[in-house]
Amino acid sequence: MTDENNKAKILGRYIVADPKICHGKPTFRGTRVFVSDVLEQVASGMAWETIIEEWHDSITKEAIAEAVQLAM
């Protein structure tokens, strides 16, 4: 494995994939909240305000919007 593979990848303003955090799965910056978990909540029709509450305000509407945009 090269050094390049060990570096965090910035996927957006709010989303990062860091091999040192959650095995490199995309998370919201500064959290261990998986982007995939939040996208599942969005897809199920959960209100964004409720999602934010579920994650104890560790993510924002802007972060959710970025995740949805990147998923398209």
Protein backbone atom coordinates (compact mmCIF):
# COMPACT_ATOMS: atom_id res chain seq x y z
CA MET A 1 0.00 0.00 0.00
CA THR A 2 1.41 3.36 -0.95
CA ASP A 3 1.31 6.55 1.09
CA GLU A 4 -1.29 7.88 -1.35
CA ASN A 5 -3.78 5.23 -0.18
CA ASN A 6 -3.32 6.22 3.46
CA LYS A 7 -4.39 9.84 3.00
CA ALA A 8 -7.81 11.26 3.65
CA LYS A 9 -9.79 12.08 0.54
CA ILE A 10 -11.82 15.25 0.70
CA LEU A 11 -15.07 14.49 -1.12
CA GLY A 12 -16.70 17.83 -0.45
CA ARG A 13 -16.91 20.61 2.07
CA TYR A 14 -18.57 18.31 4.63
CA ILE A 15 -17.62 14.79 3.53
CA VAL A 16 -14.32 12.96 3.84
CA ALA A 17 -13.05 9.40 3.35
CA ASP A 18 -10.16 8.81 5.74
CA PRO A 19 -8.63 5.33 6.03
CA LYS A 20 -7.96 6.08 9.70
CA ILE A 21 -11.66 6.74 10.40
CA CYS A 22 -14.33 4.07 9.91
CA HIS A 23 -12.14 2.04 7.54
CA GLY A 24 -12.17 4.80 4.93
CA LYS A 25 -15.92 4.82 4.37
CA PRO A 26 -17.28 8.31 3.62
CA THR A 27 -18.22 10.15 6.81
CA PHE A 28 -19.20 13.68 7.65
CA ARG A 29 -16.09 15.67 8.53
CA GLY A 30 -15.33 15.68 12.25
CA THR A 31 -17.75 12.82 12.97
CA ARG A 32 -18.03 9.07 12.67
CA VAL A 33 -21.43 9.42 11.01
CA PHE A 34 -21.55 7.37 7.81
CA VAL A 35 -22.83 9.24 4.77
CA SER A 36 -24.57 6.03 3.70
CA ASP A 37 -26.58 5.92 6.94
CA VAL A 38 -27.81 9.47 6.45
CA LEU A 39 -28.64 8.82 2.79
CA GLU A 40 -30.72 5.80 3.85
CA GLN A 41 -32.63 8.05 6.24
CA VAL A 42 -33.21 10.61 3.47
CA ALA A 43 -34.36 7.85 1.08
CA SER A 44 -36.82 6.54 3.68
CA GLY A 45 -38.49 9.97 3.71
CA MET A 46 -37.27 11.07 7.12
CA ALA A 47 -37.37 14.86 7.57
CA TRP A 48 -33.91 16.43 7.51
CA GLU A 49 -34.58 18.13 10.85
CA THR A 50 -35.29 14.71 12.37
CA ILE A 51 -32.11 13.27 10.86
CA ILE A 52 -30.11 16.10 12.39
CA GLU A 53 -31.74 15.46 15.77
CA GLU A 54 -31.06 11.71 15.48
CA TRP A 55 -27.36 12.48 15.05
CA HIS A 56 -27.39 14.94 17.97
CA ASP A 57 -26.76 17.99 15.77
CA SER A 58 -23.39 16.61 14.61
CA ILE A 59 -24.43 17.19 10.97
CA THR A 60 -26.17 20.11 9.27
CA LYS A 61 -28.73 20.62 6.50
CA GLU A 62 -25.88 21.78 4.28
CA ALA A 63 -23.98 18.56 4.94
CA ILE A 64 -27.04 16.46 4.12
CA ALA A 65 -27.59 18.46 0.92
CA GLU A 66 -23.99 17.83 -0.10
CA ALA A 67 -24.37 14.09 0.52
CA VAL A 68 -27.53 13.98 -1.59
CA GLN A 69 -25.86 15.96 -4.37
CA LEU A 70 -22.79 13.71 -4.40
CA ALA A 71 -24.99 10.62 -4.46
CA MET A 72 -26.73 11.72 -7.67
